[in-house]
PDB file of all heavy atoms in Angstrom:
ATOM      1  N   ARG A   1       0.773  -1.192   0.068  1.00  0.00           N
ATOM      2  CA  ARG A   1       0.008  -0.013  -0.005  1.00  0.00           C
ATOM      3  C   ARG A   1       0.840   1.305   0.004  1.00  0.00           C
ATOM      4  O   ARG A   1       0.388   2.345  -0.392  1.00  0.00           O
ATOM      5  CB  ARG A   1      -0.977  -0.097   1.164  1.00  0.00           C
ATOM      6  CG  ARG A   1      -2.109  -0.940   1.020  1.00  0.00           C
ATOM      7  CD  ARG A   1      -2.807  -1.340   2.341  1.00  0.00           C
ATOM      8  NE  ARG A   1      -3.869  -2.254   2.049  1.00  0.00           N
ATOM      9  CZ  ARG A   1      -3.756  -3.553   1.737  1.00  0.00           C
ATOM     10  NH1 ARG A   1      -2.602  -4.099   1.780  1.00  0.00           N
ATOM     11  NH2 ARG A   1      -4.877  -4.195   1.646  1.00  0.00           N
ATOM     12  N   THR A   2       2.044   1.195   0.429  1.00  0.00           N
ATOM     13  CA  THR A   2       2.851   2.419   0.650  1.00  0.00           C
ATOM     14  C   THR A   2       4.196   2.382   0.102  1.00  0.00           C
ATOM     15  O   THR A   2       4.852   3.388  -0.237  1.00  0.00           O
ATOM     16  CB  THR A   2       3.077   2.666   2.146  1.00  0.00           C
ATOM     17  OG1 THR A   2       3.897   1.807   2.841  1.00  0.00           O
ATOM     18  CG2 THR A   2       1.690   2.774   2.847  1.00  0.00           C
ATOM     19  N   GLY A   3       4.770   1.190  -0.199  1.00  0.00           N
ATOM     20  CA  GLY A   3       6.189   1.028  -0.562  1.00  0.00           C
ATOM     21  C   GLY A   3       7.187   0.982   0.571  1.00  0.00           C
ATOM     22  O   GLY A   3       8.398   0.831   0.379  1.00  0.00           O
ATOM     23  N   ILE A   4       6.703   1.383   1.790  1.00  0.00           N
ATOM     24  CA  ILE A   4       7.525   1.516   2.980  1.00  0.00           C
ATOM     25  C   ILE A   4       7.921   0.228   3.515  1.00  0.00           C
ATOM     26  O   ILE A   4       7.056  -0.623   3.817  1.00  0.00           O
ATOM     27  CB  ILE A   4       7.000   2.401   3.993  1.00  0.00           C
ATOM     28  CG1 ILE A   4       6.556   3.729   3.356  1.00  0.00           C
ATOM     29  CG2 ILE A   4       7.823   2.568   5.206  1.00  0.00           C
ATOM     30  CD1 ILE A   4       5.730   4.650   4.340  1.00  0.00           C
ATOM     31  N   ARG A   5       9.278  -0.028   3.763  1.00  0.00           N
ATOM     32  CA  ARG A   5       9.755  -1.239   4.460  1.00  0.00           C
ATOM     33  C   ARG A   5      10.400  -0.913   5.780  1.00  0.00           C
ATOM     34  O   ARG A   5      10.373  -1.649   6.642  1.00  0.00           O
ATOM     35  CB  ARG A   5      10.739  -1.984   3.614  1.00  0.00           C
ATOM     36  CG  ARG A   5      10.054  -2.662   2.338  1.00  0.00           C
ATOM     37  CD  ARG A   5      11.044  -3.576   1.574  1.00  0.00           C
ATOM     38  NE  ARG A   5      10.413  -4.164   0.383  1.00  0.00           N
ATOM     39  CZ  ARG A   5       9.648  -5.271   0.541  1.00  0.00           C
ATOM     40  NH1 ARG A   5       9.383  -5.762   1.616  1.00  0.00           N
ATOM     41  NH2 ARG A   5       9.093  -5.742  -0.647  1.00  0.00           N
ATOM     42  N   GLN A   6      10.901   0.301   5.840  1.00  0.00           N
ATOM     43  CA  GLN A   6      11.563   0.739   7.156  1.00  0.00           C
ATOM     44  C   GLN A   6      11.479   2.328   7.092  1.00  0.00           C
ATOM     45  O   GLN A   6      11.279   2.964   6.084  1.00  0.00           O
ATOM     46  CB  GLN A   6      12.973   0.225   7.304  1.00  0.00           C
ATOM     47  CG  GLN A   6      13.866   0.552   6.219  1.00  0.00           C
ATOM     48  CD  GLN A   6      15.249  -0.192   6.409  1.00  0.00           C
ATOM     49  OE1 GLN A   6      15.184  -1.448   6.591  1.00  0.00           O
ATOM     50  NE2 GLN A   6      16.263   0.506   6.170  1.00  0.00           N
ATOM     51  N   ARG A   7      11.739   2.848   8.339  1.00  0.00           N
ATOM     52  CA  ARG A   7      11.780   4.209   8.546  1.00  0.00           C
ATOM     53  C   ARG A   7      12.774   4.632   9.647  1.00  0.00           C
ATOM     54  O   ARG A   7      13.117   3.762  10.405  1.00  0.00           O
ATOM     55  CB  ARG A   7      10.487   4.933   8.724  1.00  0.00           C
ATOM     56  CG  ARG A   7       9.749   4.552  10.089  1.00  0.00           C
ATOM     57  CD  ARG A   7       9.199   3.124  10.094  1.00  0.00           C
ATOM     58  NE  ARG A   7       8.036   2.911   9.311  1.00  0.00           N
ATOM     59  CZ  ARG A   7       7.759   1.666   8.837  1.00  0.00           C
ATOM     60  NH1 ARG A   7       8.554   0.632   9.053  1.00  0.00           N
ATOM     61  NH2 ARG A   7       6.675   1.492   8.064  1.00  0.00           N
ATOM     62  N   ARG A   8      13.198   5.869   9.685  1.00  0.00           N
ATOM     63  CA  ARG A   8      14.121   6.278  10.818  1.00  0.00           C
ATOM     64  C   ARG A   8      13.398   6.990  11.959  1.00  0.00           C
ATOM     65  O   ARG A   8      12.389   7.686  11.653  1.00  0.00           O
ATOM     66  CB  ARG A   8      15.152   7.246  10.289  1.00  0.00           C
ATOM     67  CG  ARG A   8      16.122   6.660   9.208  1.00  0.00           C
ATOM     68  CD  ARG A   8      16.971   5.597   9.787  1.00  0.00           C
ATOM     69  NE  ARG A   8      17.909   5.057   8.763  1.00  0.00           N
ATOM     70  CZ  ARG A   8      19.122   5.474   8.705  1.00  0.00           C
ATOM     71  NH1 ARG A   8      19.571   6.391   9.380  1.00  0.00           N
ATOM     72  NH2 ARG A   8      19.913   5.029   7.674  1.00  0.00           N
ATOM     73  N   LYS A   9      13.844   6.769  13.206  1.00  0.00           N
ATOM     74  CA  LYS A   9      13.177   7.368  14.302  1.00  0.00           C
ATOM     75  C   LYS A   9      14.186   8.079  15.197  1.00  0.00           C
ATOM     76  O   LYS A   9      15.208   7.541  15.560  1.00  0.00           O
ATOM     77  CB  LYS A   9      12.495   6.257  15.199  1.00  0.00           C
ATOM     78  CG  LYS A   9      11.734   6.833  16.347  1.00  0.00           C
ATOM     79  CD  LYS A   9      10.996   5.727  17.114  1.00  0.00           C
ATOM     80  CE  LYS A   9      10.186   6.273  18.226  1.00  0.00           C
ATOM     81  NZ  LYS A   9       9.347   5.144  18.982  1.00  0.00           N
ATOM     82  N   ALA A  10      13.970   9.307  15.530  1.00  0.00           N
ATOM     83  CA  ALA A  10      14.765  10.089  16.430  1.00  0.00           C
ATOM     84  C   ALA A  10      14.865   9.480  17.788  1.00  0.00           C
ATOM     85  O   ALA A  10      13.877   8.929  18.320  1.00  0.00           O
ATOM     86  CB  ALA A  10      14.387  11.534  16.426  1.00  0.00           C
ATOM     87  N   SER A  11      16.063   9.639  18.463  1.00  0.00           N
ATOM     88  CA  SER A  11      16.253   9.097  19.819  1.00  0.00           C
ATOM     89  C   SER A  11      15.557  10.052  20.755  1.00  0.00           C
ATOM     90  O   SER A  11      15.194  11.094  20.386  1.00  0.00           O
ATOM     91  CB  SER A  11      17.716   8.937  20.084  1.00  0.00           C
ATOM     92  OG  SER A  11      18.347  10.287  20.167  1.00  0.00           O
ATOM     93  N   ALA A  12      15.566   9.610  21.994  1.00  0.00           N
ATOM     94  CA  ALA A  12      14.956  10.374  23.056  1.00  0.00           C
ATOM     95  C   ALA A  12      15.812  11.771  23.311  1.00  0.00           C
ATOM     96  O   ALA A  12      15.254  12.664  23.749  1.00  0.00           O
ATOM     97  CB  ALA A  12      15.075   9.568  24.333  1.00  0.00           C
ATOM     98  N   ASP A  13      17.016  11.744  22.770  1.00  0.00           N
ATOM     99  CA  ASP A  13      17.828  13.064  22.907  1.00  0.00           C
ATOM    100  C   ASP A  13      17.714  13.854  21.721  1.00  0.00           C
ATOM    101  O   ASP A  13      18.478  14.987  21.706  1.00  0.00           O
ATOM    102  CB  ASP A  13      19.354  12.619  23.264  1.00  0.00           C
ATOM    103  CG  ASP A  13      19.538  11.830  24.515  1.00  0.00           C
ATOM    104  OD1 ASP A  13      18.742  12.238  25.390  1.00  0.00           O
ATOM    105  OD2 ASP A  13      20.278  10.901  24.530  1.00  0.00           O
ATOM    106  N   GLU A  14      16.956  13.489  20.679  1.00  0.00           N
ATOM    107  CA  GLU A  14      16.877  14.274  19.460  1.00  0.00           C
ATOM    108  C   GLU A  14      15.509  14.998  19.333  1.00  0.00           C
ATOM    109  O   GLU A  14      14.526  14.442  19.857  1.00  0.00           O
ATOM    110  CB  GLU A  14      17.135  13.346  18.259  1.00  0.00           C
ATOM    111  CG  GLU A  14      18.578  12.841  18.211  1.00  0.00           C
ATOM    112  CD  GLU A  14      18.852  11.947  16.962  1.00  0.00           C
ATOM    113  OE1 GLU A  14      18.068  11.027  16.793  1.00  0.00           O
ATOM    114  OE2 GLU A  14      19.817  12.212  16.249  1.00  0.00           O
ATOM    115  N   ASN A  15      15.473  15.967  18.562  1.00  0.00           N
ATOM    116  CA  ASN A  15      14.296  16.710  18.184  1.00  0.00           C
ATOM    117  C   ASN A  15      14.360  17.414  16.820  1.00  0.00           C
ATOM    118  O   ASN A  15      15.488  17.310  16.140  1.00  0.00           O
ATOM    119  CB  ASN A  15      13.840  17.593  19.322  1.00  0.00           C
ATOM    120  CG  ASN A  15      14.901  18.696  19.694  1.00  0.00           C
ATOM    121  OD1 ASN A  15      15.394  19.449  18.807  1.00  0.00           O
ATOM    122  ND2 ASN A  15      15.321  18.659  20.846  1.00  0.00           N
ATOM    123  N   THR A  16      13.412  18.216  16.568  1.00  0.00           N
ATOM    124  CA  THR A  16      13.371  18.943  15.270  1.00  0.00           C
ATOM    125  C   THR A  16      14.672  19.820  15.154  1.00  0.00           C
ATOM    126  O   THR A  16      15.281  19.963  14.067  1.00  0.00           O
ATOM    127  CB  THR A  16      12.102  19.779  15.146  1.00  0.00           C
ATOM    128  OG1 THR A  16      11.065  18.877  15.358  1.00  0.00           O
ATOM    129  CG2 THR A  16      12.035  20.371  13.717  1.00  0.00           C
ATOM    130  N   HIS A  17      14.963  20.579  16.228  1.00  0.00           N
ATOM    131  CA  HIS A  17      16.135  21.408  16.295  1.00  0.00           C
ATOM    132  C   HIS A  17      17.444  20.664  16.138  1.00  0.00           C
ATOM    133  O   HIS A  17      18.301  21.037  15.366  1.00  0.00           O
ATOM    134  CB  HIS A  17      16.144  22.224  17.532  1.00  0.00           C
ATOM    135  CG  HIS A  17      15.053  23.225  17.638  1.00  0.00           C
ATOM    136  ND1 HIS A  17      14.946  24.156  18.600  1.00  0.00           N
ATOM    137  CD2 HIS A  17      13.954  23.404  16.805  1.00  0.00           C
ATOM    138  CE1 HIS A  17      13.871  24.845  18.416  1.00  0.00           C
ATOM    139  NE2 HIS A  17      13.244  24.452  17.362  1.00  0.00           N
ATOM    140  N   THR A  18      17.639  19.699  16.873  1.00  0.00           N
ATOM    141  CA  THR A  18      18.958  18.889  16.939  1.00  0.00           C
ATOM    142  C   THR A  18      19.281  18.276  15.655  1.00  0.00           C
ATOM    143  O   THR A  18      20.350  18.354  15.184  1.00  0.00           O
ATOM    144  CB  THR A  18      19.029  17.939  18.054  1.00  0.00           C
ATOM    145  OG1 THR A  18      18.029  16.907  17.804  1.00  0.00           O
ATOM    146  CG2 THR A  18      18.762  18.480  19.462  1.00  0.00           C
ATOM    147  N   MET A  19      18.220  17.698  14.987  1.00  0.00           N
ATOM    148  CA  MET A  19      18.437  17.141  13.687  1.00  0.00           C
ATOM    149  C   MET A  19      18.775  18.090  12.670  1.00  0.00           C
ATOM    150  O   MET A  19      19.808  17.922  11.850  1.00  0.00           O
ATOM    151  CB  MET A  19      17.169  16.371  13.219  1.00  0.00           C
ATOM    152  CG  MET A  19      16.958  15.037  14.027  1.00  0.00           C
ATOM    153  SD  MET A  19      15.620  14.052  13.328  1.00  0.00           S
ATOM    154  CE  MET A  19      14.090  15.176  13.683  1.00  0.00           C
ATOM    155  N   ALA A  20      18.226  19.258  12.728  1.00  0.00           N
ATOM    156  CA  ALA A  20      18.560  20.409  11.747  1.00  0.00           C
ATOM    157  C   ALA A  20      20.027  20.888  11.974  1.00  0.00           C
ATOM    158  O   ALA A  20      20.746  21.057  11.044  1.00  0.00           O
ATOM    159  CB  ALA A  20      17.543  21.510  11.942  1.00  0.00           C
ATOM    160  N   ILE A  21      20.271  20.973  13.256  1.00  0.00           N
ATOM    161  CA  ILE A  21      21.706  21.465  13.545  1.00  0.00           C
ATOM    162  C   ILE A  21      22.810  20.433  13.032  1.00  0.00           C
ATOM    163  O   ILE A  21      23.765  20.844  12.492  1.00  0.00           O
ATOM    164  CB  ILE A  21      21.788  21.711  15.069  1.00  0.00           C
ATOM    165  CG1 ILE A  21      20.971  22.848  15.512  1.00  0.00           C
ATOM    166  CG2 ILE A  21      23.326  21.684  15.468  1.00  0.00           C
ATOM    167  CD1 ILE A  21      20.900  23.078  17.021  1.00  0.00           C
ATOM    168  N   GLN A  22      22.478  19.190  13.089  1.00  0.00           N
ATOM    169  CA  GLN A  22      23.323  18.177  12.570  1.00  0.00           C
ATOM    170  C   GLN A  22      23.500  18.351  11.064  1.00  0.00           C
ATOM    171  O   GLN A  22      24.614  18.247  10.565  1.00  0.00           O
ATOM    172  CB  GLN A  22      22.826  16.771  12.874  1.00  0.00           C
ATOM    173  CG  GLN A  22      22.806  16.403  14.333  1.00  0.00           C
ATOM    174  CD  GLN A  22      24.141  15.750  14.687  1.00  0.00           C
ATOM    175  OE1 GLN A  22      25.179  15.840  14.058  1.00  0.00           O
ATOM    176  NE2 GLN A  22      24.169  15.241  15.956  1.00  0.00           N
ATOM    177  N   ALA A  23      22.465  18.668  10.416  1.00  0.00           N
ATOM    178  CA  ALA A  23      22.402  18.887   8.903  1.00  0.00           C
ATOM    179  C   ALA A  23      23.263  20.046   8.628  1.00  0.00           C
ATOM    180  O   ALA A  23      23.969  20.101   7.645  1.00  0.00           O
ATOM    181  CB  ALA A  23      21.108  18.928   8.378  1.00  0.00           C
ATOM    182  N   VAL A  24      23.097  21.139   9.369  1.00  0.00           N
ATOM    183  CA  VAL A  24      23.794  22.370   9.184  1.00  0.00           C
ATOM    184  C   VAL A  24      25.326  22.160   9.379  1.00  0.00           C
ATOM    185  O   VAL A  24      26.117  22.701   8.530  1.00  0.00           O
ATOM    186  CB  VAL A  24      23.312  23.494  10.057  1.00  0.00           C
ATOM    187  CG1 VAL A  24      24.298  24.705  10.068  1.00  0.00           C
ATOM    188  CG2 VAL A  24      21.953  23.912   9.563  1.00  0.00           C
ATOM    189  N   ASP A  25      25.746  21.434  10.371  1.00  0.00           N
ATOM    190  CA  ASP A  25      27.164  21.119  10.638  1.00  0.00           C
ATOM    191  C   ASP A  25      27.699  20.418   9.397  1.00  0.00           C
ATOM    192  O   ASP A  25      28.913  20.601   9.042  1.00  0.00           O
ATOM    193  CB  ASP A  25      27.346  20.391  11.878  1.00  0.00           C
ATOM    194  CG  ASP A  25      27.144  21.164  13.178  1.00  0.00           C
ATOM    195  OD1 ASP A  25      27.221  22.413  13.010  1.00  0.00           O
ATOM    196  OD2 ASP A  25      27.021  20.672  14.312  1.00  0.00           O
ATOM    197  N   LYS A  26      26.953  19.539   8.792  1.00  0.00           N
ATOM    198  CA  LYS A  26      27.435  18.753   7.660  1.00  0.00           C
ATOM    199  C   LYS A  26      27.592  19.578   6.421  1.00  0.00           C
ATOM    200  O   LYS A  26      28.509  19.336   5.635  1.00  0.00           O
ATOM    201  CB  LYS A  26      26.494  17.549   7.396  1.00  0.00           C
ATOM    202  CG  LYS A  26      26.552  16.500   8.471  1.00  0.00           C
ATOM    203  CD  LYS A  26      25.523  15.432   8.133  1.00  0.00           C
ATOM    204  CE  LYS A  26      25.842  14.583   6.925  1.00  0.00           C
ATOM    205  NZ  LYS A  26      24.839  13.525   6.665  1.00  0.00           N
ATOM    206  N   ILE A  27      26.921  20.651   6.356  1.00  0.00           N
ATOM    207  CA  ILE A  27      26.891  21.449   5.054  1.00  0.00           C
ATOM    208  C   ILE A  27      28.181  22.447   5.051  1.00  0.00           C
ATOM    209  O   ILE A  27      28.550  22.869   3.978  1.00  0.00           O
ATOM    210  CB  ILE A  27      25.623  22.232   4.737  1.00  0.00           C
ATOM    211  CG1 ILE A  27      25.460  22.462   3.234  1.00  0.00           C
ATOM    212  CG2 ILE A  27      25.528  23.493   5.582  1.00  0.00           C
ATOM    213  CD1 ILE A  27      24.098  23.092   2.919  1.00  0.00           C
ATOM    214  N   LYS A  28      28.642  22.703   6.162  1.00  0.00           N
ATOM    215  CA  LYS A  28      29.696  23.790   6.320  1.00  0.00           C
ATOM    216  C   LYS A  28      30.871  23.512   5.338  1.00  0.00           C
ATOM    217  O   LYS A  28      31.363  24.495   4.783  1.00  0.00           O
ATOM    218  CB  LYS A  28      30.174  23.880   7.805  1.00  0.00           C
ATOM    219  CG  LYS A  28      29.090  24.449   8.748  1.00  0.00           C
ATOM    220  CD  LYS A  28      29.674  24.501  10.168  1.00  0.00           C
ATOM    221  CE  LYS A  28      28.605  25.107  11.101  1.00  0.00           C
ATOM    222  NZ  LYS A  28      29.187  25.055  12.497  1.00  0.00           N
ATOM    223  N   ALA A  29      31.222  22.304   5.400  1.00  0.00           N
ATOM    224  CA  ALA A  29      32.461  21.986   4.567  1.00  0.00           C
ATOM    225  C   ALA A  29      32.247  22.171   2.924  1.00  0.00           C
ATOM    226  O   ALA A  29      33.159  22.317   2.201  1.00  0.00           O
ATOM    227  CB  ALA A  29      32.894  20.498   4.773  1.00  0.00           C
ATOM    228  N   SER A  30      30.902  22.157   2.602  1.00  0.00           N
ATOM    229  CA  SER A  30      30.523  22.280   1.234  1.00  0.00           C
ATOM    230  C   SER A  30      30.309  23.686   0.717  1.00  0.00           C
ATOM    231  O   SER A  30      30.153  23.877  -0.464  1.00  0.00           O
ATOM    232  CB  SER A  30      29.400  21.326   0.912  1.00  0.00           C
ATOM    233  OG  SER A  30      29.662  20.030   1.190  1.00  0.00           O
ATOM    234  N   LEU A  31      30.153  24.628   1.644  1.00  0.00           N
ATOM    235  CA  LEU A  31      29.743  25.999   1.298  1.00  0.00           C
ATOM    236  C   LEU A  31      30.884  26.669   0.531  1.00  0.00           C
ATOM    237  O   LEU A  31      32.036  26.550   0.981  1.00  0.00           O
ATOM    238  CB  LEU A  31      29.428  26.759   2.543  1.00  0.00           C
ATOM    239  CG  LEU A  31      28.087  26.439   3.249  1.00  0.00           C
ATOM    240  CD1 LEU A  31      27.923  27.286   4.477  1.00  0.00           C
ATOM    241  CD2 LEU A  31      26.868  26.643   2.359  1.00  0.00           C
ATOM    242  N   PRO A  32      30.593  27.420  -0.418  1.00  0.00           N
ATOM    243  CA  PRO A  32      31.652  28.198  -1.172  1.00  0.00           C
ATOM    244  C   PRO A  32      32.042  29.555  -0.429  1.00  0.00           C
ATOM    245  O   PRO A  32      32.738  30.333  -0.943  1.00  0.00           O
ATOM    246  CB  PRO A  32      31.056  28.466  -2.531  1.00  0.00           C
ATOM    247  CG  PRO A  32      29.641  28.539  -2.286  1.00  0.00           C
ATOM    248  CD  PRO A  32      29.359  27.579  -1.133  1.00  0.00           C
ATOM    249  N   TYR A  33      31.427  29.703   0.731  1.00  0.00           N
ATOM    250  CA  TYR A  33      31.769  30.818   1.535  1.00  0.00           C
ATOM    251  C   TYR A  33      31.533  30.514   2.980  1.00  0.00           C
ATOM    252  O   TYR A  33      31.142  29.434   3.316  1.00  0.00           O
ATOM    253  CB  TYR A  33      30.701  32.031   1.207  1.00  0.00           C
ATOM    254  CG  TYR A  33      29.250  31.623   1.134  1.00  0.00           C
ATOM    255  CD1 TYR A  33      28.487  31.407   2.363  1.00  0.00           C
ATOM    256  CD2 TYR A  33      28.591  31.354  -0.057  1.00  0.00           C
ATOM    257  CE1 TYR A  33      27.149  31.002   2.326  1.00  0.00           C
ATOM    258  CE2 TYR A  33      27.261  30.799  -0.105  1.00  0.00           C
ATOM    259  CZ  TYR A  33      26.658  30.772   1.083  1.00  0.00           C
ATOM    260  OH  TYR A  33      25.269  30.289   1.073  1.00  0.00           O
ATOM    261  N   ASP A  34      32.062  31.355   3.892  1.00  0.00           N
ATOM    262  CA  ASP A  34      31.958  31.154   5.324  1.00  0.00           C
ATOM    263  C   ASP A  34      30.475  31.149   5.771  1.00  0.00           C
ATOM    264  O   ASP A  34      29.793  32.081   5.429  1.00  0.00           O
ATOM    265  CB  ASP A  34      32.842  31.957   6.142  1.00  0.00           C
ATOM    266  CG  ASP A  34      33.005  31.527   7.604  1.00  0.00           C
ATOM    267  OD1 ASP A  34      33.944  30.630   7.825  1.00  0.00           O
ATOM    268  OD2 ASP A  34      32.302  32.022   8.412  1.00  0.00           O
ATOM    269  N   ILE A  35      30.190  30.310   6.609  1.00  0.00           N
ATOM    270  CA  ILE A  35      28.767  30.210   7.132  1.00  0.00           C
ATOM    271  C   ILE A  35      28.361  31.481   7.856  1.00  0.00           C
ATOM    272  O   ILE A  35      27.253  31.933   7.888  1.00  0.00           O
ATOM    273  CB  ILE A  35      28.503  29.097   8.001  1.00  0.00           C
ATOM    274  CG1 ILE A  35      26.977  28.754   8.001  1.00  0.00           C
ATOM    275  CG2 ILE A  35      29.088  29.240   9.408  1.00  0.00           C
ATOM    276  CD1 ILE A  35      26.615  27.433   8.548  1.00  0.00           C
ATOM    277  N   SER A  36      29.367  32.377   8.256  1.00  0.00           N
ATOM    278  CA  SER A  36      29.117  33.630   8.933  1.00  0.00           C
ATOM    279  C   SER A  36      28.497  34.634   7.996  1.00  0.00           C
ATOM    280  O   SER A  36      27.958  35.607   8.374  1.00  0.00           O
ATOM    281  CB  SER A  36      30.366  34.176   9.599  1.00  0.00           C
ATOM    282  OG  SER A  36      31.351  34.451   8.588  1.00  0.00           O
ATOM    283  N   GLU A  37      28.615  34.336   6.684  1.00  0.00           N
ATOM    284  CA  GLU A  37      28.132  35.314   5.636  1.00  0.00           C
ATOM    285  C   GLU A  37      26.631  35.087   5.384  1.00  0.00           C
ATOM    286  O   GLU A  37      26.013  35.938   4.625  1.00  0.00           O
ATOM    287  CB  GLU A  37      28.798  35.095   4.412  1.00  0.00           C
ATOM    288  CG  GLU A  37      30.318  35.542   4.442  1.00  0.00           C
ATOM    289  CD  GLU A  37      31.094  35.323   3.040  1.00  0.00           C
ATOM    290  OE1 GLU A  37      30.541  35.715   2.117  1.00  0.00           O
ATOM    291  OE2 GLU A  37      32.267  34.744   3.157  1.00  0.00           O
ATOM    292  N   VAL A  38      26.024  34.039   5.920  1.00  0.00           N
ATOM    293  CA  VAL A  38      24.591  33.907   5.789  1.00  0.00           C
ATOM    294  C   VAL A  38      23.716  35.025   6.321  1.00  0.00           C
ATOM    295  O   VAL A  38      24.089  35.396   7.495  1.00  0.00           O
ATOM    296  CB  VAL A  38      24.163  32.503   6.482  1.00  0.00           C
ATOM    297  CG1 VAL A  38      22.635  32.477   6.607  1.00  0.00           C
ATOM    298  CG2 VAL A  38      24.754  31.326   5.804  1.00  0.00           C
ATOM    299  N   ASP A  39      22.872  35.602   5.475  1.00  0.00           N
ATOM    300  CA  ASP A  39      22.209  36.708   5.904  1.00  0.00           C
ATOM    301  C   ASP A  39      20.695  36.498   5.951  1.00  0.00           C
ATOM    302  O   ASP A  39      19.747  37.458   6.020  1.00  0.00           O
ATOM    303  CB  ASP A  39      22.534  37.931   5.104  1.00  0.00           C
ATOM    304  CG  ASP A  39      22.359  37.763   3.691  1.00  0.00           C
ATOM    305  OD1 ASP A  39      21.744  36.758   3.196  1.00  0.00           O
ATOM    306  OD2 ASP A  39      22.857  38.576   2.836  1.00  0.00           O
ATOM    307  N   LEU A  40      20.240  35.222   5.922  1.00  0.00           N
ATOM    308  CA  LEU A  40      18.837  34.850   5.898  1.00  0.00           C
ATOM    309  C   LEU A  40      18.791  33.402   6.284  1.00  0.00           C
ATOM    310  O   LEU A  40      19.335  32.635   5.722  1.00  0.00           O
ATOM    311  CB  LEU A  40      18.121  35.047   4.570  1.00  0.00           C
ATOM    312  CG  LEU A  40      16.638  34.618   4.415  1.00  0.00           C
ATOM    313  CD1 LEU A  40      15.816  35.425   5.275  1.00  0.00           C
ATOM    314  CD2 LEU A  40      16.303  34.864   2.894  1.00  0.00           C
ATOM    315  N   ILE A  41      17.751  33.110   7.223  1.00  0.00           N
ATOM    316  CA  ILE A  41      17.469  31.613   7.561  1.00  0.00           C
ATOM    317  C   ILE A  41      15.993  31.453   7.586  1.00  0.00           C
ATOM    318  O   ILE A  41      15.212  32.255   8.185  1.00  0.00           O
ATOM    319  CB  ILE A  41      18.043  31.346   9.022  1.00  0.00           C
ATOM    320  CG1 ILE A  41      19.582  31.561   9.031  1.00  0.00           C
ATOM    321  CG2 ILE A  41      17.801  29.829   9.292  1.00  0.00           C
ATOM    322  CD1 ILE A  41      20.108  31.432  10.489  1.00  0.00           C
TER     323      ILE A  41
END
């Protein structure tokens, strides 16, 4: 009915904010400018 066989679940120590922060930390190395230059979030 869905195609789903498995899914990910955040731990008790994780939430919407912490997951997003982890993603932001991962992107820093790929940015063509320093993250301090971001002027909109």
